[in-house]
Amino acid sequence: MPPNTISSETTDFADFTNYALTPITLEQSIAHIKADKAHKKGHKGRGIKVAVIDTGVDSDHPLIDGRVVSEKSFVEGEPADDEQGHGSWCASAVLAVAPEAEIVNAKALSKTGSGSALGLMQSMEWAAQQGCKVISCSWGGSIPFEPLRDLVIAMEKNYGCKFIFAAGNSGPGERTINFPGGYSEVVAVGAIAVVNPEPDAIARFSSRGPGPTGKIEPDISAPGGSEEEGIEGAWKDGGMKVARGTSMATPQVAGAVALLMETCGSSEEAVELLYETARDVKTQGKDNDSGYGVVDIESALEEQQAPPARVYQINAVLKTPFGDWPITGIATEKK
């Protein structure tokens, strides 16, 4: 049986005047992952479709206006417009990183912030059919649901899309990754701070690995606030809201994938590039707290544009007391 409800991955929708949260702007947030430097070089995700599967999108919001190219509601009795706010926040975060990307609004979470497994699966398939190669999903649940995993595998195989999921807000204990973020086929995103308590500090609430199969999770991290800070983004009815959670980190990673896809080609290649160039937080390499580390778009672009390593054909003869030994092969220059 499918889980009854799957919910958005946000710890707080907080007005910082009412909560002790340092307000961080989206501009500060994307500068922390060096998207601003990419913008100055002309990389803005032009024409890349990014689906936001969420509570809908306020398409007239000043931070979103003109970027929604298609929309559909999979919530019975509710329009595709955002009556909750969470989806609009996520769409504005995608566009902050990749301002020339195109948003596909697949509404599958209701105004209460939850949705059915069936509605979510229908929205995922529809988004892939719209040509979205990047699909941002800031939601999850604690119960595995294998049909959803099977759908992810099929969509990635048939449409070449990549699903970016929130890791969850159940940290800091081990094995707290939510589903579908815990599945190895998706990108699971953890949350780190921009300023408080310190840059790149892993949010205490950010879910930790390992995943259900023992795989190191999450895969990568991005700004999502902390116990002391939240990030201000778009909200319903043209408003703004300070929020924190892995929900906030996820669309920034989706935007980073879209931005790299301008020149990278496939979403799979873009994701691998982000993994290879992420900056380590606690330990070198991938770990169960921050994954490969924090997204670094500038480093990813530099790696992408670096000249390929030179390859040499070796034909030599090694002189030994026992005779001549021919040596043949190929050597690759280390980058």
C-alpha atoms as a PDB file:
ATOM      1  CA  MET A   1       0.000   0.000   0.000  1.00  0.00           C
ATOM      2  CA  PRO A   2       1.283   3.491  -0.758  1.00  0.00           C
ATOM      3  CA  PRO A   3       1.837   5.910   2.111  1.00  0.00           C
ATOM      4  CA  ASN A   4      -1.240   8.037   2.822  1.00  0.00           C
ATOM      5  CA  THR A   5       0.603  11.332   2.560  1.00  0.00           C
ATOM      6  CA  ILE A   6       3.998  12.645   1.573  1.00  0.00           C
ATOM      7  CA  SER A   7       4.963  16.077   2.842  1.00  0.00           C
ATOM      8  CA  SER A   8       7.209  19.011   1.998  1.00  0.00           C
ATOM      9  CA  GLU A   9      10.646  19.014   3.632  1.00  0.00           C
ATOM     10  CA  THR A  10      10.704  22.329   5.462  1.00  0.00           C
ATOM     11  CA  THR A  11      11.311  22.739   9.178  1.00  0.00           C
ATOM     12  CA  ASP A  12       9.850  26.229   9.430  1.00  0.00           C
ATOM     13  CA  PHE A  13       8.002  28.815   7.388  1.00  0.00           C
ATOM     14  CA  ALA A  14       9.154  31.671   9.544  1.00  0.00           C
ATOM     15  CA  ASP A  15       8.838  35.423   9.475  1.00  0.00           C
ATOM     16  CA  PHE A  16      12.196  36.394  10.955  1.00  0.00           C
ATOM     17  CA  THR A  17      10.540  39.156  12.976  1.00  0.00           C
ATOM     18  CA  ASN A  18       8.768  36.427  14.953  1.00  0.00           C
ATOM     19  CA  TYR A  19      11.587  33.887  15.104  1.00  0.00           C
ATOM     20  CA  ALA A  20      15.238  34.152  16.123  1.00  0.00           C
ATOM     21  CA  LEU A  21      16.477  33.438  12.593  1.00  0.00           C
ATOM     22  CA  THR A  22      19.091  35.502  10.784  1.00  0.00           C
ATOM     23  CA  PRO A  23      17.499  36.364   7.395  1.00  0.00           C
ATOM     24  CA  ILE A  24      19.639  35.371   4.406  1.00  0.00           C
ATOM     25  CA  THR A  25      18.692  36.642   0.941  1.00  0.00           C
ATOM     26  CA  LEU A  26      18.645  34.412  -2.110  1.00  0.00           C
ATOM     27  CA  GLU A  27      21.427  36.588  -3.494  1.00  0.00           C
ATOM     28  CA  GLN A  28      23.601  35.699  -0.499  1.00  0.00           C
ATOM     29  CA  SER A  29      22.625  32.064  -0.803  1.00  0.00           C
ATOM     30  CA  ILE A  30      23.515  31.659  -4.470  1.00  0.00           C
ATOM     31  CA  ALA A  31      26.748  33.616  -3.980  1.00  0.00           C
ATOM     32  CA  HIS A  32      27.715  30.988  -1.403  1.00  0.00           C
ATOM     33  CA  ILE A  33      27.627  28.341  -4.157  1.00  0.00           C
ATOM     34  CA  LYS A  34      29.215  30.819  -6.615  1.00  0.00           C
ATOM     35  CA  ALA A  35      26.305  31.024  -9.041  1.00  0.00           C
ATOM     36  CA  ASP A  36      26.825  34.778  -9.216  1.00  0.00           C
ATOM     37  CA  LYS A  37      30.267  34.256 -10.743  1.00  0.00           C
ATOM     38  CA  ALA A  38      28.710  31.973 -13.373  1.00  0.00           C
ATOM     39  CA  HIS A  39      26.138  34.659 -14.221  1.00  0.00           C
ATOM     40  CA  LYS A  40      28.905  37.181 -14.862  1.00  0.00           C
ATOM     41  CA  LYS A  41      30.372  34.768 -17.421  1.00  0.00           C
ATOM     42  CA  GLY A  42      27.006  34.426 -19.177  1.00  0.00           C
ATOM     43  CA  HIS A  43      25.911  31.086 -17.721  1.00  0.00           C
ATOM     44  CA  LYS A  44      22.254  31.360 -16.703  1.00  0.00           C
ATOM     45  CA  GLY A  45      20.593  28.071 -17.650  1.00  0.00           C
ATOM     46  CA  ARG A  46      19.027  29.480 -20.792  1.00  0.00           C
ATOM     47  CA  GLY A  47      16.162  27.362 -22.127  1.00  0.00           C
ATOM     48  CA  ILE A  48      16.637  24.464 -19.693  1.00  0.00           C
ATOM     49  CA  LYS A  49      13.300  23.205 -18.369  1.00  0.00           C
ATOM     50  CA  VAL A  50      13.167  22.562 -14.634  1.00  0.00           C
ATOM     51  CA  ALA A  51      10.067  20.987 -13.122  1.00  0.00           C
ATOM     52  CA  VAL A  52       9.057  22.033  -9.621  1.00  0.00           C
ATOM     53  CA  ILE A  53       6.832  19.331  -8.155  1.00  0.00           C
ATOM     54  CA  ASP A  54       5.337  21.023  -5.145  1.00  0.00           C
ATOM     55  CA  THR A  55       2.373  23.098  -3.898  1.00  0.00           C
ATOM     56  CA  GLY A  56       2.105  25.014  -7.158  1.00  0.00           C
ATOM     57  CA  VAL A  57       3.801  28.220  -8.284  1.00  0.00           C
ATOM     58  CA  ASP A  58       2.725  31.858  -8.111  1.00  0.00           C
ATOM     59  CA  SER A  59       3.537  32.535 -11.756  1.00  0.00           C
ATOM     60  CA  ASP A  60       2.908  36.294 -11.363  1.00  0.00           C
ATOM     61  CA  HIS A  61       5.345  36.734  -8.486  1.00  0.00           C
ATOM     62  CA  PRO A  62       8.031  39.342  -9.300  1.00  0.00           C
ATOM     63  CA  LEU A  63      10.788  36.741  -8.734  1.00  0.00           C
ATOM     64  CA  ILE A  64       9.092  34.267 -11.099  1.00  0.00           C
ATOM     65  CA  ASP A  65       7.066  36.318 -13.580  1.00  0.00           C
ATOM     66  CA  GLY A  66       7.453  35.160 -17.179  1.00  0.00           C
ATOM     67  CA  ARG A  67       9.443  32.002 -16.404  1.00  0.00           C
ATOM     68  CA  VAL A  68       6.600  29.452 -16.028  1.00  0.00           C
ATOM     69  CA  VAL A  69       6.101  27.778 -19.410  1.00  0.00           C
ATOM     70  CA  SER A  70       3.542  25.108 -18.484  1.00  0.00           C
ATOM     71  CA  GLU A  71       1.551  24.010 -15.455  1.00  0.00           C
ATOM     72  CA  LYS A  72      -0.868  21.359 -14.290  1.00  0.00           C
ATOM     73  CA  SER A  73      -2.491  20.446 -10.995  1.00  0.00           C
ATOM     74  CA  PHE A  74      -2.582  16.866  -9.733  1.00  0.00           C
ATOM     75  CA  VAL A  75      -4.456  17.866  -6.575  1.00  0.00           C
ATOM     76  CA  GLU A  76      -8.186  17.319  -6.854  1.00  0.00           C
ATOM     77  CA  GLY A  77     -10.173  20.522  -6.459  1.00  0.00           C
ATOM     78  CA  GLU A  78      -7.141  22.858  -6.431  1.00  0.00           C
ATOM     79  CA  PRO A  79      -5.797  24.984  -9.306  1.00  0.00           C
ATOM     80  CA  ALA A  80      -2.155  24.928 -10.366  1.00  0.00           C
ATOM     81  CA  ASP A  81      -1.619  28.242  -8.580  1.00  0.00           C
ATOM     82  CA  ASP A  82       0.171  28.141  -5.226  1.00  0.00           C
ATOM     83  CA  GLU A  83      -2.232  28.436  -2.306  1.00  0.00           C
ATOM     84  CA  GLN A  84       0.401  27.474   0.264  1.00  0.00           C
ATOM     85  CA  GLY A  85       3.695  29.181  -0.631  1.00  0.00           C
ATOM     86  CA  HIS A  86       6.263  26.381  -0.503  1.00  0.00           C
ATOM     87  CA  GLY A  87       6.298  25.742  -4.265  1.00  0.00           C
ATOM     88  CA  SER A  88       6.746  29.421  -5.086  1.00  0.00           C
ATOM     89  CA  TRP A  89       9.719  29.564  -2.711  1.00  0.00           C
ATOM     90  CA  CYS A  90      11.315  26.615  -4.506  1.00  0.00           C
ATOM     91  CA  ALA A  91      10.676  28.055  -7.976  1.00  0.00           C
ATOM     92  CA  SER A  92      12.268  31.364  -6.981  1.00  0.00           C
ATOM     93  CA  ALA A  93      15.335  29.482  -5.703  1.00  0.00           C
ATOM     94  CA  VAL A  94      15.742  27.608  -9.002  1.00  0.00           C
ATOM     95  CA  LEU A  95      15.579  30.917 -10.870  1.00  0.00           C
ATOM     96  CA  ALA A  96      17.968  32.647  -8.488  1.00  0.00           C
ATOM     97  CA  VAL A  97      20.618  30.108  -9.527  1.00  0.00           C
ATOM     98  CA  ALA A  98      19.550  29.730 -13.176  1.00  0.00           C
ATOM     99  CA  PRO A  99      17.631  32.935 -14.037  1.00  0.00           C
ATOM    100  CA  GLU A 100      17.012  31.976 -17.669  1.00  0.00           C
ATOM    101  CA  ALA A 101      15.724  28.481 -16.960  1.00  0.00           C
ATOM    102  CA  GLU A 102      12.096  27.639 -17.750  1.00  0.00           C
ATOM    103  CA  ILE A 103       9.835  26.513 -14.898  1.00  0.00           C
ATOM    104  CA  VAL A 104       7.320  23.701 -15.343  1.00  0.00           C
ATOM    105  CA  ASN A 105       4.808  23.863 -12.501  1.00  0.00           C
ATOM    106  CA  ALA A 106       3.639  20.354 -11.569  1.00  0.00           C
ATOM    107  CA  LYS A 107       1.382  20.854  -8.569  1.00  0.00           C
ATOM    108  CA  ALA A 108       1.124  17.645  -6.530  1.00  0.00           C
ATOM    109  CA  LEU A 109       1.066  18.961  -2.955  1.00  0.00           C
ATOM    110  CA  SER A 110      -2.068  20.599  -1.600  1.00  0.00           C
ATOM    111  CA  LYS A 111      -2.405  23.860   0.307  1.00  0.00           C
ATOM    112  CA  THR A 112      -1.721  21.864   3.475  1.00  0.00           C
ATOM    113  CA  GLY A 113       1.699  20.855   2.115  1.00  0.00           C
ATOM    114  CA  SER A 114       0.973  17.163   1.616  1.00  0.00           C
ATOM    115  CA  GLY A 115       0.034  14.962  -1.330  1.00  0.00           C
ATOM    116  CA  SER A 116      -0.834  11.422  -2.309  1.00  0.00           C
ATOM    117  CA  ALA A 117       1.696   8.987  -3.726  1.00  0.00           C
ATOM    118  CA  LEU A 118      -0.504   8.595  -6.819  1.00  0.00           C
ATOM    119  CA  GLY A 119      -0.675  12.333  -7.497  1.00  0.00           C
ATOM    120  CA  LEU A 120       3.074  12.702  -7.030  1.00  0.00           C
ATOM    121  CA  MET A 121       3.821   9.828  -9.400  1.00  0.00           C
ATOM    122  CA  GLN A 122       1.485  11.255 -12.032  1.00  0.00           C
ATOM    123  CA  SER A 123       3.152  14.651 -11.740  1.00  0.00           C
ATOM    124  CA  MET A 124       6.632  13.117 -12.073  1.00  0.00           C
ATOM    125  CA  GLU A 125       5.710  11.328 -15.285  1.00  0.00           C
ATOM    126  CA  TRP A 126       3.994  14.413 -16.698  1.00  0.00           C
ATOM    127  CA  ALA A 127       7.017  16.588 -15.927  1.00  0.00           C
ATOM    128  CA  ALA A 128       9.316  14.191 -17.767  1.00  0.00           C
ATOM    129  CA  GLN A 129       6.939  14.172 -20.729  1.00  0.00           C
ATOM    130  CA  GLN A 130       7.140  17.991 -20.870  1.00  0.00           C
ATOM    131  CA  GLY A 131      10.832  17.718 -21.654  1.00  0.00           C
ATOM    132  CA  CYS A 132      12.171  18.486 -18.179  1.00  0.00           C
ATOM    133  CA  LYS A 133      15.646  17.046 -17.679  1.00  0.00           C
ATOM    134  CA  VAL A 134      15.847  18.413 -14.137  1.00  0.00           C
ATOM    135  CA  ILE A 135      13.042  17.718 -11.666  1.00  0.00           C
ATOM    136  CA  SER A 136      13.116  19.424  -8.256  1.00  0.00           C
ATOM    137  CA  CYS A 137      11.298  17.595  -5.454  1.00  0.00           C
ATOM    138  CA  SER A 138      11.362  19.207  -2.007  1.00  0.00           C
ATOM    139  CA  TRP A 139       9.253  16.549  -0.330  1.00  0.00           C
ATOM    140  CA  GLY A 140       9.470  13.068   1.122  1.00  0.00           C
ATOM    141  CA  GLY A 141       8.322  10.624   3.750  1.00  0.00           C
ATOM    142  CA  SER A 142       9.698   8.043   6.153  1.00  0.00           C
ATOM    143  CA  ILE A 143       8.122   5.021   4.439  1.00  0.00           C
ATOM    144  CA  PRO A 144       9.774   3.460   1.342  1.00  0.00           C
ATOM    145  CA  PHE A 145       7.449   3.034  -1.636  1.00  0.00           C
ATOM    146  CA  GLU A 146       8.992   0.837  -4.328  1.00  0.00           C
ATOM    147  CA  PRO A 147       6.565   1.759  -7.168  1.00  0.00           C
ATOM    148  CA  LEU A 148       7.804   5.335  -6.904  1.00  0.00           C
ATOM    149  CA  ARG A 149      11.394   4.142  -7.114  1.00  0.00           C
ATOM    150  CA  ASP A 150      10.534   2.038 -10.166  1.00  0.00           C
ATOM    151  CA  LEU A 151       9.004   5.119 -11.781  1.00  0.00           C
ATOM    152  CA  VAL A 152      12.158   7.176 -11.150  1.00  0.00           C
ATOM    153  CA  ILE A 153      14.270   4.489 -12.805  1.00  0.00           C
ATOM    154  CA  ALA A 154      11.929   4.321 -15.806  1.00  0.00           C
ATOM    155  CA  MET A 155      11.741   8.105 -16.221  1.00  0.00           C
ATOM    156  CA  GLU A 156      15.514   8.493 -16.066  1.00  0.00           C
ATOM    157  CA  LYS A 157      15.978   5.716 -18.603  1.00  0.00           C
ATOM    158  CA  ASN A 158      13.244   6.789 -21.015  1.00  0.00           C
ATOM    159  CA  TYR A 159      13.537  10.589 -20.775  1.00  0.00           C
ATOM    160  CA  GLY A 160      17.084  11.244 -19.538  1.00  0.00           C
ATOM    161  CA  CYS A 161      15.863  13.318 -16.600  1.00  0.00           C
ATOM    162  CA  LYS A 162      17.390  13.624 -13.140  1.00  0.00           C
ATOM    163  CA  PHE A 163      15.363  13.817  -9.927  1.00  0.00           C
ATOM    164  CA  ILE A 164      16.705  16.104  -7.200  1.00  0.00           C
ATOM    165  CA  PHE A 165      15.188  15.252  -3.794  1.00  0.00           C
ATOM    166  CA  ALA A 166      15.370  16.760  -0.330  1.00  0.00           C
ATOM    167  CA  ALA A 167      17.245  14.503   2.088  1.00  0.00           C
ATOM    168  CA  GLY A 168      14.819  15.302   4.893  1.00  0.00           C
ATOM    169  CA  ASN A 169      14.808  17.210   8.165  1.00  0.00           C
ATOM    170  CA  SER A 170      15.136  14.358  10.663  1.00  0.00           C
ATOM    171  CA  GLY A 171      18.821  14.812  11.582  1.00  0.00           C
ATOM    172  CA  PRO A 172      21.278  14.726  13.155  1.00  0.00           C
ATOM    173  CA  GLY A 173      20.967  11.000  13.848  1.00  0.00           C
ATOM    174  CA  GLU A 174      22.275   8.295  11.543  1.00  0.00           C
ATOM    175  CA  ARG A 175      20.005   6.617   8.940  1.00  0.00           C
ATOM    176  CA  THR A 176      17.491   9.476   8.954  1.00  0.00           C
ATOM    177  CA  ILE A 177      17.393  10.059   5.171  1.00  0.00           C
ATOM    178  CA  ASN A 178      13.803  10.282   3.951  1.00  0.00           C
ATOM    179  CA  PHE A 179      12.342   8.635   0.856  1.00  0.00           C
ATOM    180  CA  PRO A 180      12.602   8.988  -2.119  1.00  0.00           C
ATOM    181  CA  GLY A 181      15.802  10.843  -1.191  1.00  0.00           C
ATOM    182  CA  GLY A 182      17.187   7.613   0.244  1.00  0.00           C
ATOM    183  CA  TYR A 183      17.040   5.813  -3.080  1.00  0.00           C
ATOM    184  CA  SER A 184      20.396   5.551  -4.826  1.00  0.00           C
ATOM    185  CA  GLU A 185      18.909   6.538  -8.207  1.00  0.00           C
ATOM    186  CA  VAL A 186      18.127  10.126  -7.147  1.00  0.00           C
ATOM    187  CA  VAL A 187      20.200  13.071  -5.945  1.00  0.00           C
ATOM    188  CA  ALA A 188      19.660  13.541  -2.188  1.00  0.00           C
ATOM    189  CA  VAL A 189      20.344  17.084  -0.966  1.00  0.00           C
ATOM    190  CA  GLY A 190      21.386  18.102   2.529  1.00  0.00           C
ATOM    191  CA  ALA A 191      21.357  21.596   4.053  1.00  0.00           C
ATOM    192  CA  ILE A 192      24.212  23.821   5.204  1.00  0.00           C
ATOM    193  CA  ALA A 193      24.387  27.356   6.613  1.00  0.00           C
ATOM    194  CA  VAL A 194      25.570  30.452   4.757  1.00  0.00           C
ATOM    195  CA  VAL A 195      26.511  32.589   7.769  1.00  0.00           C
ATOM    196  CA  ASN A 196      25.260  31.291  11.139  1.00  0.00           C
ATOM    197  CA  PRO A 197      26.562  29.480  13.077  1.00  0.00           C
ATOM    198  CA  GLU A 198      29.378  29.521  10.461  1.00  0.00           C
ATOM    199  CA  PRO A 199      29.687  29.136   6.677  1.00  0.00           C
ATOM    200  CA  ASP A 200      29.155  25.548   5.468  1.00  0.00           C
ATOM    201  CA  ALA A 201      28.046  24.352   8.910  1.00  0.00           C
ATOM    202  CA  ILE A 202      25.807  21.318   8.393  1.00  0.00           C
ATOM    203  CA  ALA A 203      22.306  22.071   9.644  1.00  0.00           C
ATOM    204  CA  ARG A 204      21.471  19.985  12.692  1.00  0.00           C
ATOM    205  CA  PHE A 205      18.070  19.097  11.199  1.00  0.00           C
ATOM    206  CA  SER A 206      19.559  17.910   7.880  1.00  0.00           C
ATOM    207  CA  SER A 207      19.030  14.141   7.574  1.00  0.00           C
ATOM    208  CA  ARG A 208      22.072  11.895   7.648  1.00  0.00           C
ATOM    209  CA  GLY A 209      23.010   8.594   6.071  1.00  0.00           C
ATOM    210  CA  PRO A 210      23.728   5.921   5.344  1.00  0.00           C
ATOM    211  CA  GLY A 211      20.776   5.125   3.113  1.00  0.00           C
ATOM    212  CA  PRO A 212      18.658   1.968   3.339  1.00  0.00           C
ATOM    213  CA  THR A 213      21.078  -0.059   1.216  1.00  0.00           C
ATOM    214  CA  GLY A 214      24.152   1.186   3.074  1.00  0.00           C
ATOM    215  CA  LYS A 215      24.994   3.804   0.422  1.00  0.00           C
ATOM    216  CA  ILE A 216      26.577   7.002   1.694  1.00  0.00           C
ATOM    217  CA  GLU A 217      23.897   9.709   1.783  1.00  0.00           C
ATOM    218  CA  PRO A 218      23.106  12.539   1.187  1.00  0.00           C
ATOM    219  CA  ASP A 219      24.795  13.072  -2.180  1.00  0.00           C
ATOM    220  CA  ILE A 220      25.511  16.797  -1.979  1.00  0.00           C
ATOM    221  CA  SER A 221      24.639  19.869   0.095  1.00  0.00           C
ATOM    222  CA  ALA A 222      23.546  23.454  -0.522  1.00  0.00           C
ATOM    223  CA  PRO A 223      22.300  26.407   1.546  1.00  0.00           C
ATOM    224  CA  GLY A 224      19.137  25.543   3.442  1.00  0.00           C
ATOM    225  CA  GLY A 225      19.420  27.536   6.618  1.00  0.00           C
ATOM    226  CA  SER A 226      20.211  26.266  10.096  1.00  0.00           C
ATOM    227  CA  GLU A 227      18.927  26.551  13.643  1.00  0.00           C
ATOM    228  CA  GLU A 228      20.027  30.190  13.531  1.00  0.00           C
ATOM    229  CA  GLU A 229      19.253  31.356   9.982  1.00  0.00           C
ATOM    230  CA  GLY A 230      16.671  31.104   7.233  1.00  0.00           C
ATOM    231  CA  ILE A 231      16.600  32.110   3.572  1.00  0.00           C
ATOM    232  CA  GLU A 232      14.072  34.581   2.185  1.00  0.00           C
ATOM    233  CA  GLY A 233      12.319  33.579  -1.030  1.00  0.00           C
ATOM    234  CA  ALA A 234       9.050  34.025  -2.920  1.00  0.00           C
ATOM    235  CA  TRP A 235       5.766  33.085  -1.282  1.00  0.00           C
ATOM    236  CA  LYS A 236       2.147  32.916  -2.362  1.00  0.00           C
ATOM    237  CA  ASP A 237       0.211  36.036  -3.389  1.00  0.00           C
ATOM    238  CA  GLY A 238       3.368  37.916  -4.309  1.00  0.00           C
ATOM    239  CA  GLY A 239       4.767  37.718  -0.787  1.00  0.00           C
ATOM    240  CA  MET A 240       8.149  36.807   0.652  1.00  0.00           C
ATOM    241  CA  LYS A 241       9.015  34.391   3.452  1.00  0.00           C
ATOM    242  CA  VAL A 242      12.078  33.314   5.416  1.00  0.00           C
ATOM    243  CA  ALA A 243      12.281  29.519   5.554  1.00  0.00           C
ATOM    244  CA  ARG A 244      14.761  26.785   6.396  1.00  0.00           C
ATOM    245  CA  GLY A 245      15.038  23.107   5.564  1.00  0.00           C
ATOM    246  CA  THR A 246      16.409  20.721   2.979  1.00  0.00           C
ATOM    247  CA  SER A 247      13.486  21.942   0.872  1.00  0.00           C
ATOM    248  CA  MET A 248      15.371  25.207   0.466  1.00  0.00           C
ATOM    249  CA  ALA A 249      18.639  23.506  -0.546  1.00  0.00           C
ATOM    250  CA  THR A 250      17.073  21.185  -3.139  1.00  0.00           C
ATOM    251  CA  PRO A 251      15.924  23.733  -5.775  1.00  0.00           C
ATOM    252  CA  GLN A 252      19.315  25.444  -5.630  1.00  0.00           C
ATOM    253  CA  VAL A 253      20.957  22.177  -6.634  1.00  0.00           C
ATOM    254  CA  ALA A 254      18.331  21.756  -9.369  1.00  0.00           C
ATOM    255  CA  GLY A 255      19.193  25.245 -10.599  1.00  0.00           C
ATOM    256  CA  ALA A 256      22.891  24.387 -10.557  1.00  0.00           C
ATOM    257  CA  VAL A 257      22.271  21.314 -12.725  1.00  0.00           C
ATOM    258  CA  ALA A 258      20.250  23.441 -15.176  1.00  0.00           C
ATOM    259  CA  LEU A 259      22.978  26.068 -15.314  1.00  0.00           C
ATOM    260  CA  LEU A 260      25.656  23.476 -16.118  1.00  0.00           C
ATOM    261  CA  MET A 261      23.440  21.801 -18.712  1.00  0.00           C
ATOM    262  CA  GLU A 262      23.792  24.847 -20.966  1.00  0.00           C
ATOM    263  CA  THR A 263      27.158  23.470 -22.019  1.00  0.00           C
ATOM    264  CA  CYS A 264      27.307  20.042 -20.387  1.00  0.00           C
ATOM    265  CA  GLY A 265      24.634  18.317 -22.448  1.00  0.00           C
ATOM    266  CA  SER A 266      22.950  15.878 -20.101  1.00  0.00           C
ATOM    267  CA  SER A 267      21.651  16.221 -16.561  1.00  0.00           C
ATOM    268  CA  GLU A 268      23.607  13.102 -15.592  1.00  0.00           C
ATOM    269  CA  GLU A 269      26.876  14.706 -16.699  1.00  0.00           C
ATOM    270  CA  ALA A 270      25.999  17.921 -14.874  1.00  0.00           C
ATOM    271  CA  VAL A 271      25.285  16.045 -11.631  1.00  0.00           C
ATOM    272  CA  GLU A 272      28.555  14.116 -11.830  1.00  0.00           C
ATOM    273  CA  LEU A 273      30.383  17.396 -12.394  1.00  0.00           C
ATOM    274  CA  LEU A 274      28.820  18.853  -9.248  1.00  0.00           C
ATOM    275  CA  TYR A 275      29.910  15.797  -7.275  1.00  0.00           C
ATOM    276  CA  GLU A 276      33.478  15.978  -8.577  1.00  0.00           C
ATOM    277  CA  THR A 277      33.903  19.667  -7.758  1.00  0.00           C
ATOM    278  CA  ALA A 278      31.951  20.030  -4.495  1.00  0.00           C
ATOM    279  CA  ARG A 279      33.975  21.509  -1.638  1.00  0.00           C
ATOM    280  CA  ASP A 280      34.497  19.208   1.326  1.00  0.00           C
ATOM    281  CA  VAL A 281      32.938  20.127   4.652  1.00  0.00           C
ATOM    282  CA  LYS A 282      34.012  17.674   7.354  1.00  0.00           C
ATOM    283  CA  THR A 283      36.088  15.030   5.626  1.00  0.00           C
ATOM    284  CA  GLN A 284      37.677  14.576   2.238  1.00  0.00           C
ATOM    285  CA  GLY A 285      35.419  12.698  -0.162  1.00  0.00           C
ATOM    286  CA  LYS A 286      31.840  11.624   0.375  1.00  0.00           C
ATOM    287  CA  ASP A 287      30.445  11.268   3.893  1.00  0.00           C
ATOM    288  CA  ASN A 288      27.092  10.630   5.574  1.00  0.00           C
ATOM    289  CA  ASP A 289      26.716  14.218   6.773  1.00  0.00           C
ATOM    290  CA  SER A 290      27.174  16.428   3.709  1.00  0.00           C
ATOM    291  CA  GLY A 291      27.665  13.929   0.870  1.00  0.00           C
ATOM    292  CA  TYR A 292      30.386  15.036  -1.546  1.00  0.00           C
ATOM    293  CA  GLY A 293      30.237  18.479   0.069  1.00  0.00           C
ATOM    294  CA  VAL A 294      28.822  21.873  -0.876  1.00  0.00           C
ATOM    295  CA  VAL A 295      27.928  22.806  -4.457  1.00  0.00           C
ATOM    296  CA  ASP A 296      30.606  24.999  -6.068  1.00  0.00           C
ATOM    297  CA  ILE A 297      29.354  26.124  -9.477  1.00  0.00           C
ATOM    298  CA  GLU A 298      32.446  28.133 -10.341  1.00  0.00           C
ATOM    299  CA  SER A 299      34.690  25.099  -9.807  1.00  0.00           C
ATOM    300  CA  ALA A 300      32.296  22.935 -11.823  1.00  0.00           C
ATOM    301  CA  LEU A 301      32.446  25.340 -14.771  1.00  0.00           C
ATOM    302  CA  GLU A 302      36.223  25.548 -14.587  1.00  0.00           C
ATOM    303  CA  GLU A 303      36.466  21.755 -14.595  1.00  0.00           C
ATOM    304  CA  GLN A 304      34.035  21.545 -17.493  1.00  0.00           C
ATOM    305  CA  GLN A 305      36.006  24.036 -19.556  1.00  0.00           C
ATOM    306  CA  ALA A 306      39.463  22.664 -18.757  1.00  0.00           C
ATOM    307  CA  PRO A 307      41.293  21.173 -21.747  1.00  0.00           C
ATOM    308  CA  PRO A 308      41.173  17.381 -21.874  1.00  0.00           C
ATOM    309  CA  ALA A 309      44.119  15.477 -20.490  1.00  0.00           C
ATOM    310  CA  ARG A 310      46.688  14.602 -23.151  1.00  0.00           C
ATOM    311  CA  VAL A 311      47.018  10.964 -24.135  1.00  0.00           C
ATOM    312  CA  TYR A 312      50.370   9.519 -25.218  1.00  0.00           C
ATOM    313  CA  GLN A 313      51.100   6.380 -27.194  1.00  0.00           C
ATOM    314  CA  ILE A 314      54.119   4.588 -25.737  1.00  0.00           C
ATOM    315  CA  ASN A 315      56.448   2.546 -27.936  1.00  0.00           C
ATOM    316  CA  ALA A 316      59.770   1.842 -26.237  1.00  0.00           C
ATOM    317  CA  VAL A 317      62.353  -0.818 -25.612  1.00  0.00           C
ATOM    318  CA  LEU A 318      63.681  -1.494 -22.136  1.00  0.00           C
ATOM    319  CA  LYS A 319      67.289  -2.692 -22.133  1.00  0.00           C
ATOM    320  CA  THR A 320      67.934  -5.395 -19.496  1.00  0.00           C
ATOM    321  CA  PRO A 321      70.737  -7.925 -18.814  1.00  0.00           C
ATOM    322  CA  PHE A 322      68.320 -10.539 -20.061  1.00  0.00           C
ATOM    323  CA  GLY A 323      67.571  -8.883 -23.364  1.00  0.00           C
ATOM    324  CA  ASP A 324      65.376  -6.191 -24.822  1.00  0.00           C
ATOM    325  CA  TRP A 325      61.786  -5.902 -23.534  1.00  0.00           C
ATOM    326  CA  PRO A 326      59.383  -3.994 -25.819  1.00  0.00           C
ATOM    327  CA  ILE A 327      56.970  -1.684 -23.980  1.00  0.00           C
ATOM    328  CA  THR A 328      53.777  -0.490 -25.638  1.00  0.00           C
ATOM    329  CA  GLY A 329      50.691   1.179 -24.226  1.00  0.00           C
ATOM    330  CA  ILE A 330      48.817   4.406 -23.610  1.00  0.00           C
ATOM    331  CA  ALA A 331      49.554   6.934 -20.870  1.00  0.00           C
ATOM    332  CA  THR A 332      47.185   9.705 -19.793  1.00  0.00           C
ATOM    333  CA  GLU A 333      48.503  12.947 -18.374  1.00  0.00           C
ATOM    334  CA  LYS A 334      47.188  13.635 -14.878  1.00  0.00           C
ATOM    335  CA  LYS A 335      45.086  16.834 -14.830  1.00  0.00           C
END
